[in-house]
């Protein structure tokens, strides 16, 4: 949530004064509407399927979210 806040609220904080130039580029393309940042809750985070050990039930849930179907 902090990343979304920092990109949408143009405020200065002592902790953010050394943020890389790339951050300002990202802020610019968000302002222009080229990309949209959204919070993704843990149970809907498809990346977990690729980087974590998940149960068969969770794996099936992620496959459903990706619209992967089994072909006979």
Protein backbone atom coordinates (compact mmCIF):
# COMPACT_ATOMS: atom_id res chain seq x y z
CA UNK A 1 0.00 0.00 0.00
CA UNK A 2 2.90 2.36 0.63
CA UNK A 3 4.03 2.11 -3.00
CA UNK A 4 0.54 3.01 -4.24
CA UNK A 5 0.36 5.92 -1.79
CA UNK A 6 3.75 7.32 -2.82
CA UNK A 7 2.90 7.20 -6.52
CA UNK A 8 -0.49 8.86 -6.15
CA UNK A 9 0.21 11.46 -3.46
CA UNK A 10 2.88 13.94 -4.49
CA UNK A 11 4.24 14.70 -1.04
CA UNK A 12 7.77 15.03 0.22
CA UNK A 13 8.98 12.89 3.12
CA UNK A 14 12.45 12.78 4.64
CA UNK A 15 12.52 9.03 4.01
CA UNK A 16 11.75 9.45 0.30
CA UNK A 17 14.28 12.13 -0.60
CA UNK A 18 16.74 9.62 -2.09
CA UNK A 19 14.28 7.79 -4.30
CA UNK A 20 15.75 6.87 -7.66
CA UNK A 21 14.92 8.73 -10.87
CA UNK A 22 13.05 5.63 -12.09
CA UNK A 23 10.41 6.32 -9.44
CA UNK A 24 9.68 9.70 -10.99
CA UNK A 25 9.29 8.05 -14.40
CA UNK A 26 6.80 5.57 -12.92
CA UNK A 27 4.89 8.40 -11.23
CA UNK A 28 4.72 10.22 -14.58
CA UNK A 29 3.26 7.25 -16.50
CA UNK A 30 0.73 6.65 -13.72
CA UNK A 31 -0.34 10.31 -13.92
CA UNK A 32 -0.71 9.99 -17.70
CA UNK A 33 -2.95 6.95 -17.21
CA UNK A 34 -0.69 4.49 -19.05
CA UNK A 35 -0.71 2.08 -16.10
CA UNK A 36 -2.87 1.63 -13.01
CA UNK A 37 -1.66 0.40 -9.63
CA UNK A 38 -4.05 -1.81 -7.72
CA UNK A 39 -3.77 -3.71 -4.46
CA UNK A 40 -3.82 -7.45 -5.02
CA UNK A 41 -4.79 -9.49 -2.00
CA UNK A 42 -2.72 -12.53 -1.11
CA UNK A 43 -5.36 -15.07 -2.03
CA UNK A 44 -5.64 -13.54 -5.52
CA UNK A 45 -1.90 -13.09 -6.14
CA UNK A 46 -1.11 -15.39 -9.06
CA UNK A 47 2.64 -14.96 -8.65
CA UNK A 48 2.49 -17.17 -5.55
CA UNK A 49 1.79 -20.11 -7.85
CA UNK A 50 5.20 -19.60 -9.45
CA UNK A 51 7.39 -18.66 -6.49
CA UNK A 52 5.93 -20.50 -3.49
CA UNK A 53 5.09 -24.03 -2.54
CA UNK A 54 1.29 -24.17 -2.76
CA UNK A 55 -1.23 -26.88 -2.00
CA UNK A 56 -3.19 -28.63 -4.73
CA UNK A 57 -6.30 -26.70 -3.75
CA UNK A 58 -4.54 -23.34 -4.07
CA UNK A 59 -2.93 -24.41 -7.34
CA UNK A 60 -6.36 -25.32 -8.74
CA UNK A 61 -7.68 -21.92 -7.59
CA UNK A 62 -4.82 -20.13 -9.37
CA UNK A 63 -5.41 -22.14 -12.53
CA UNK A 64 -9.04 -21.08 -12.42
CA UNK A 65 -8.00 -17.43 -12.06
CA UNK A 66 -5.78 -17.81 -15.13
CA UNK A 67 -8.64 -19.48 -17.05
CA UNK A 68 -6.58 -22.62 -17.66
CA UNK A 69 -8.72 -25.61 -18.53
CA UNK A 70 -7.79 -29.23 -18.92
CA UNK A 71 -8.23 -30.60 -22.42
CA UNK A 72 -8.89 -34.32 -22.78
